[in-house]
Amino acid sequence: MKKYYHIIQVLKRMADIQLQIQNVVKLANAANIKLADIKITLLQTGNSYKKQIGEDIYSIMNDL
């Protein structure tokens, strides 16, 4: 009887560990998505500033 109890306890611990791993994977995926969104925003902002700087330089050159 003790043997079965021990096996059941080990199986429960394994199931708990599997659930914890699944939760960690979900959190990691959420973090990756947020980082990708931040990267996209930074890249888009960088392109906007490049265009704005180009327009500013053109405007200054015309003024000179």
PDB file of N, CA and C in Angstrom:
ATOM      1  N   MET A   1       0.822  -1.196   0.000  1.00  0.00           N
ATOM      2  CA  MET A   1       0.000   0.000   0.000  1.00  0.00           C
ATOM      3  C   MET A   1       0.870   1.266   0.000  1.00  0.00           C
ATOM      4  N   LYS A   2       1.959   1.220   0.770  1.00  0.00           N
ATOM      5  CA  LYS A   2       2.851   2.376   0.813  1.00  0.00           C
ATOM      6  C   LYS A   2       3.481   2.623  -0.552  1.00  0.00           C
ATOM      7  N   LYS A   3       3.755   1.544  -1.262  1.00  0.00           N
ATOM      8  CA  LYS A   3       4.378   1.667  -2.572  1.00  0.00           C
ATOM      9  C   LYS A   3       3.469   2.449  -3.516  1.00  0.00           C
ATOM     10  N   TYR A   4       2.186   2.147  -3.538  1.00  0.00           N
ATOM     11  CA  TYR A   4       1.234   2.840  -4.409  1.00  0.00           C
ATOM     12  C   TYR A   4       1.059   4.297  -3.989  1.00  0.00           C
ATOM     13  N   TYR A   5       1.039   4.524  -2.690  1.00  0.00           N
ATOM     14  CA  TYR A   5       0.924   5.893  -2.185  1.00  0.00           C
ATOM     15  C   TYR A   5       2.129   6.715  -2.660  1.00  0.00           C
ATOM     16  N   HIS A   6       3.311   6.120  -2.565  1.00  0.00           N
ATOM     17  CA  HIS A   6       4.531   6.806  -2.984  1.00  0.00           C
ATOM     18  C   HIS A   6       4.488   7.094  -4.492  1.00  0.00           C
ATOM     19  N   ILE A   7       4.052   6.121  -5.279  1.00  0.00           N
ATOM     20  CA  ILE A   7       3.951   6.313  -6.730  1.00  0.00           C
ATOM     21  C   ILE A   7       2.963   7.425  -7.056  1.00  0.00           C
ATOM     22  N   ILE A   8       1.835   7.445  -6.370  1.00  0.00           N
ATOM     23  CA  ILE A   8       0.828   8.485  -6.599  1.00  0.00           C
ATOM     24  C   ILE A   8       1.388   9.859  -6.248  1.00  0.00           C
ATOM     25  N   GLN A   9       2.128   9.947  -5.157  1.00  0.00           N
ATOM     26  CA  GLN A   9       2.720  11.231  -4.756  1.00  0.00           C
ATOM     27  C   GLN A   9       3.729  11.712  -5.799  1.00  0.00           C
ATOM     28  N   VAL A  10       4.531  10.799  -6.320  1.00  0.00           N
ATOM     29  CA  VAL A  10       5.508  11.165  -7.350  1.00  0.00           C
ATOM     30  C   VAL A  10       4.796  11.644  -8.607  1.00  0.00           C
ATOM     31  N   LEU A  11       3.730  10.952  -8.992  1.00  0.00           N
ATOM     32  CA  LEU A  11       2.966  11.362 -10.173  1.00  0.00           C
ATOM     33  C   LEU A  11       2.334  12.732  -9.980  1.00  0.00           C
ATOM     34  N   LYS A  12       1.837  12.996  -8.783  1.00  0.00           N
ATOM     35  CA  LYS A  12       1.268  14.324  -8.496  1.00  0.00           C
ATOM     36  C   LYS A  12       2.329  15.401  -8.615  1.00  0.00           C
ATOM     37  N   ARG A  13       3.530  15.122  -8.065  1.00  0.00           N
ATOM     38  CA  ARG A  13       4.614  16.099  -8.158  1.00  0.00           C
ATOM     39  C   ARG A  13       5.004  16.337  -9.619  1.00  0.00           C
ATOM     40  N   MET A  14       5.045  15.279 -10.399  1.00  0.00           N
ATOM     41  CA  MET A  14       5.375  15.419 -11.819  1.00  0.00           C
ATOM     42  C   MET A  14       4.324  16.258 -12.538  1.00  0.00           C
ATOM     43  N   ALA A  15       3.060  16.048 -12.218  1.00  0.00           N
ATOM     44  CA  ALA A  15       1.984  16.834 -12.836  1.00  0.00           C
ATOM     45  C   ALA A  15       2.094  18.297 -12.428  1.00  0.00           C
ATOM     46  N   ASP A  16       2.422  18.544 -11.154  1.00  0.00           N
ATOM     47  CA  ASP A  16       2.590  19.924 -10.684  1.00  0.00           C
ATOM     48  C   ASP A  16       3.752  20.608 -11.402  1.00  0.00           C
ATOM     49  N   ILE A  17       4.836  19.872 -11.574  1.00  0.00           N
ATOM     50  CA  ILE A  17       5.997  20.438 -12.266  1.00  0.00           C
ATOM     51  C   ILE A  17       5.638  20.743 -13.723  1.00  0.00           C
ATOM     52  N   GLN A  18       4.897  19.853 -14.349  1.00  0.00           N
ATOM     53  CA  GLN A  18       4.492  20.083 -15.735  1.00  0.00           C
ATOM     54  C   GLN A  18       3.620  21.338 -15.848  1.00  0.00           C
ATOM     55  N   LEU A  19       2.711  21.530 -14.903  1.00  0.00           N
ATOM     56  CA  LEU A  19       1.877  22.739 -14.910  1.00  0.00           C
ATOM     57  C   LEU A  19       2.721  23.987 -14.701  1.00  0.00           C
ATOM     58  N   GLN A  20       3.702  23.905 -13.810  1.00  0.00           N
ATOM     59  CA  GLN A  20       4.577  25.053 -13.576  1.00  0.00           C
ATOM     60  C   GLN A  20       5.373  25.386 -14.841  1.00  0.00           C
ATOM     61  N   ILE A  21       5.851  24.356 -15.523  1.00  0.00           N
ATOM     62  CA  ILE A  21       6.602  24.584 -16.763  1.00  0.00           C
ATOM     63  C   ILE A  21       5.704  25.225 -17.816  1.00  0.00           C
ATOM     64  N   GLN A  22       4.471  24.750 -17.924  1.00  0.00           N
ATOM     65  CA  GLN A  22       3.535  25.346 -18.885  1.00  0.00           C
ATOM     66  C   GLN A  22       3.287  26.814 -18.557  1.00  0.00           C
ATOM     67  N   ASN A  23       3.164  27.147 -17.273  1.00  0.00           N
ATOM     68  CA  ASN A  23       2.964  28.536 -16.875  1.00  0.00           C
ATOM     69  C   ASN A  23       4.179  29.391 -17.215  1.00  0.00           C
ATOM     70  N   VAL A  24       5.369  28.844 -17.000  1.00  0.00           N
ATOM     71  CA  VAL A  24       6.589  29.584 -17.327  1.00  0.00           C
ATOM     72  C   VAL A  24       6.669  29.824 -18.832  1.00  0.00           C
ATOM     73  N   VAL A  25       6.313  28.827 -19.627  1.00  0.00           N
ATOM     74  CA  VAL A  25       6.327  28.978 -21.083  1.00  0.00           C
ATOM     75  C   VAL A  25       5.332  30.055 -21.511  1.00  0.00           C
ATOM     76  N   LYS A  26       4.150  30.081 -20.894  1.00  0.00           N
ATOM     77  CA  LYS A  26       3.160  31.114 -21.225  1.00  0.00           C
ATOM     78  C   LYS A  26       3.701  32.499 -20.890  1.00  0.00           C
ATOM     79  N   LEU A  27       4.339  32.624 -19.715  1.00  0.00           N
ATOM     80  CA  LEU A  27       4.906  33.919 -19.327  1.00  0.00           C
ATOM     81  C   LEU A  27       6.030  34.332 -20.278  1.00  0.00           C
ATOM     82  N   ALA A  28       6.858  33.376 -20.670  1.00  0.00           N
ATOM     83  CA  ALA A  28       7.950  33.679 -21.602  1.00  0.00           C
ATOM     84  C   ALA A  28       7.392  34.118 -22.955  1.00  0.00           C
ATOM     85  N   ASN A  29       6.342  33.460 -23.414  1.00  0.00           N
ATOM     86  CA  ASN A  29       5.724  33.856 -24.687  1.00  0.00           C
ATOM     87  C   ASN A  29       5.155  35.263 -24.601  1.00  0.00           C
ATOM     88  N   ALA A  30       4.508  35.579 -23.491  1.00  0.00           N
ATOM     89  CA  ALA A  30       3.953  36.924 -23.320  1.00  0.00           C
ATOM     90  C   ALA A  30       5.065  37.964 -23.322  1.00  0.00           C
ATOM     91  N   ALA A  31       6.177  37.650 -22.632  1.00  0.00           N
ATOM     92  CA  ALA A  31       7.307  38.581 -22.608  1.00  0.00           C
ATOM     93  C   ALA A  31       7.901  38.746 -24.004  1.00  0.00           C
ATOM     94  N   ASN A  32       8.020  37.655 -24.759  1.00  0.00           N
ATOM     95  CA  ASN A  32       8.554  37.741 -26.121  1.00  0.00           C
ATOM     96  C   ASN A  32       7.670  38.595 -27.009  1.00  0.00           C
ATOM     97  N   ILE A  33       6.361  38.455 -26.867  1.00  0.00           N
ATOM     98  CA  ILE A  33       5.437  39.257 -27.662  1.00  0.00           C
ATOM     99  C   ILE A  33       5.594  40.737 -27.321  1.00  0.00           C
ATOM    100  N   LYS A  34       5.707  41.043 -26.024  1.00  0.00           N
ATOM    101  CA  LYS A  34       5.881  42.445 -25.622  1.00  0.00           C
ATOM    102  C   LYS A  34       7.189  43.004 -26.155  1.00  0.00           C
ATOM    103  N   LEU A  35       8.261  42.210 -26.089  1.00  0.00           N
ATOM    104  CA  LEU A  35       9.549  42.664 -26.608  1.00  0.00           C
ATOM    105  C   LEU A  35       9.496  42.879 -28.120  1.00  0.00           C
ATOM    106  N   ALA A  36       8.797  42.007 -28.811  1.00  0.00           N
ATOM    107  CA  ALA A  36       8.655  42.174 -30.265  1.00  0.00           C
ATOM    108  C   ALA A  36       7.880  43.445 -30.577  1.00  0.00           C
ATOM    109  N   ASP A  37       6.837  43.720 -29.799  1.00  0.00           N
ATOM    110  CA  ASP A  37       6.069  44.951 -30.002  1.00  0.00           C
ATOM    111  C   ASP A  37       6.941  46.178 -29.768  1.00  0.00           C
ATOM    112  N   ILE A  38       7.756  46.130 -28.717  1.00  0.00           N
ATOM    113  CA  ILE A  38       8.653  47.252 -28.418  1.00  0.00           C
ATOM    114  C   ILE A  38       9.656  47.437 -29.552  1.00  0.00           C
ATOM    115  N   LYS A  39      10.197  46.325 -30.041  1.00  0.00           N
ATOM    116  CA  LYS A  39      11.172  46.405 -31.137  1.00  0.00           C
ATOM    117  C   LYS A  39      10.542  47.016 -32.375  1.00  0.00           C
ATOM    118  N   ILE A  40       9.327  46.590 -32.701  1.00  0.00           N
ATOM    119  CA  ILE A  40       8.631  47.137 -33.867  1.00  0.00           C
ATOM    120  C   ILE A  40       8.404  48.633 -33.692  1.00  0.00           C
ATOM    121  N   THR A  41       7.971  49.034 -32.500  1.00  0.00           N
ATOM    122  CA  THR A  41       7.737  50.454 -32.226  1.00  0.00           C
ATOM    123  C   THR A  41       9.019  51.257 -32.383  1.00  0.00           C
ATOM    124  N   LEU A  42      10.127  50.730 -31.848  1.00  0.00           N
ATOM    125  CA  LEU A  42      11.401  51.437 -31.959  1.00  0.00           C
ATOM    126  C   LEU A  42      11.854  51.545 -33.414  1.00  0.00           C
ATOM    127  N   LEU A  43      11.674  50.473 -34.170  1.00  0.00           N
ATOM    128  CA  LEU A  43      12.062  50.522 -35.581  1.00  0.00           C
ATOM    129  C   LEU A  43      11.209  51.518 -36.361  1.00  0.00           C
ATOM    130  N   GLN A  44       9.916  51.528 -36.079  1.00  0.00           N
ATOM    131  CA  GLN A  44       9.032  52.470 -36.766  1.00  0.00           C
ATOM    132  C   GLN A  44       9.385  53.902 -36.391  1.00  0.00           C
ATOM    133  N   THR A  45       9.688  54.119 -35.115  1.00  0.00           N
ATOM    134  CA  THR A  45      10.061  55.460 -34.656  1.00  0.00           C
ATOM    135  C   THR A  45      11.356  55.893 -35.316  1.00  0.00           C
ATOM    136  N   GLY A  46      12.312  54.972 -35.393  1.00  0.00           N
ATOM    137  CA  GLY A  46      13.587  55.283 -36.032  1.00  0.00           C
ATOM    138  C   GLY A  46      13.389  55.690 -37.484  1.00  0.00           C
ATOM    139  N   ASN A  47      12.538  54.981 -38.205  1.00  0.00           N
ATOM    140  CA  ASN A  47      12.280  55.328 -39.604  1.00  0.00           C
ATOM    141  C   ASN A  47      11.607  56.687 -39.716  1.00  0.00           C
ATOM    142  N   SER A  48      10.703  56.996 -38.799  1.00  0.00           N
ATOM    143  CA  SER A  48      10.034  58.298 -38.826  1.00  0.00           C
ATOM    144  C   SER A  48      11.037  59.419 -38.604  1.00  0.00           C
ATOM    145  N   TYR A  49      11.952  59.213 -37.649  1.00  0.00           N
ATOM    146  CA  TYR A  49      12.946  60.243 -37.378  1.00  0.00           C
ATOM    147  C   TYR A  49      13.907  60.411 -38.544  1.00  0.00           C
ATOM    148  N   LYS A  50      14.262  59.308 -39.211  1.00  0.00           N
ATOM    149  CA  LYS A  50      15.129  59.419 -40.382  1.00  0.00           C
ATOM    150  C   LYS A  50      14.469  60.289 -41.447  1.00  0.00           C
ATOM    151  N   LYS A  51      13.206  60.043 -41.678  1.00  0.00           N
ATOM    152  CA  LYS A  51      12.477  60.815 -42.685  1.00  0.00           C
ATOM    153  C   LYS A  51      12.394  62.280 -42.260  1.00  0.00           C
ATOM    154  N   GLN A  52      12.095  62.516 -40.978  1.00  0.00           N
ATOM    155  CA  GLN A  52      11.976  63.880 -40.481  1.00  0.00           C
ATOM    156  C   GLN A  52      13.307  64.603 -40.567  1.00  0.00           C
ATOM    157  N   ILE A  53      14.401  63.931 -40.214  1.00  0.00           N
ATOM    158  CA  ILE A  53      15.722  64.551 -40.281  1.00  0.00           C
ATOM    159  C   ILE A  53      16.063  64.900 -41.729  1.00  0.00           C
ATOM    160  N   GLY A  54      15.734  63.974 -42.643  1.00  0.00           N
ATOM    161  CA  GLY A  54      15.985  64.253 -44.056  1.00  0.00           C
ATOM    162  C   GLY A  54      15.221  65.476 -44.528  1.00  0.00           C
ATOM    163  N   GLU A  55      13.963  65.574 -44.130  1.00  0.00           N
ATOM    164  CA  GLU A  55      13.155  66.732 -44.517  1.00  0.00           C
ATOM    165  C   GLU A  55      13.699  68.014 -43.895  1.00  0.00           C
ATOM    166  N   ASP A  56      14.144  67.938 -42.655  1.00  0.00           N
ATOM    167  CA  ASP A  56      14.714  69.112 -41.988  1.00  0.00           C
ATOM    168  C   ASP A  56      15.985  69.577 -42.686  1.00  0.00           C
ATOM    169  N   ILE A  57      16.836  68.641 -43.054  1.00  0.00           N
ATOM    170  CA  ILE A  57      18.085  69.001 -43.750  1.00  0.00           C
ATOM    171  C   ILE A  57      17.761  69.629 -45.098  1.00  0.00           C
ATOM    172  N   TYR A  58      16.808  69.062 -45.808  1.00  0.00           N
ATOM    173  CA  TYR A  58      16.401  69.629 -47.114  1.00  0.00           C
ATOM    174  C   TYR A  58      15.880  71.044 -46.932  1.00  0.00           C
ATOM    175  N   SER A  59      15.060  71.247 -45.893  1.00  0.00           N
ATOM    176  CA  SER A  59      14.497  72.576 -45.633  1.00  0.00           C
ATOM    177  C   SER A  59      15.604  73.579 -45.293  1.00  0.00           C
ATOM    178  N   ILE A  60      16.560  73.160 -44.502  1.00  0.00           N
ATOM    179  CA  ILE A  60      17.674  74.053 -44.130  1.00  0.00           C
ATOM    180  C   ILE A  60      18.490  74.399 -45.365  1.00  0.00           C
ATOM    181  N   MET A  61      18.742  73.392 -46.210  1.00  0.00           N
ATOM    182  CA  MET A  61      19.508  73.658 -47.421  1.00  0.00           C
ATOM    183  C   MET A  61      18.791  74.658 -48.319  1.00  0.00           C
ATOM    184  N   ASN A  62      17.464  74.559 -48.403  1.00  0.00           N
ATOM    185  CA  ASN A  62      16.715  75.508 -49.229  1.00  0.00           C
ATOM    186  C   ASN A  62      16.774  76.903 -48.655  1.00  0.00           C
ATOM    187  N   ASP A  63      16.786  76.993 -47.324  1.00  0.00           N
ATOM    188  CA  ASP A  63      16.853  78.305 -46.674  1.00  0.00           C
ATOM    189  C   ASP A  63      18.218  78.964 -46.888  1.00  0.00           C
ATOM    190  N   LEU A  64      19.243  78.144 -46.992  1.00  0.00           N
ATOM    191  CA  LEU A  64      20.591  78.709 -47.194  1.00  0.00           C
ATOM    192  C   LEU A  64      20.740  79.142 -48.636  1.00  0.00           C
TER     193      LEU A  64
END
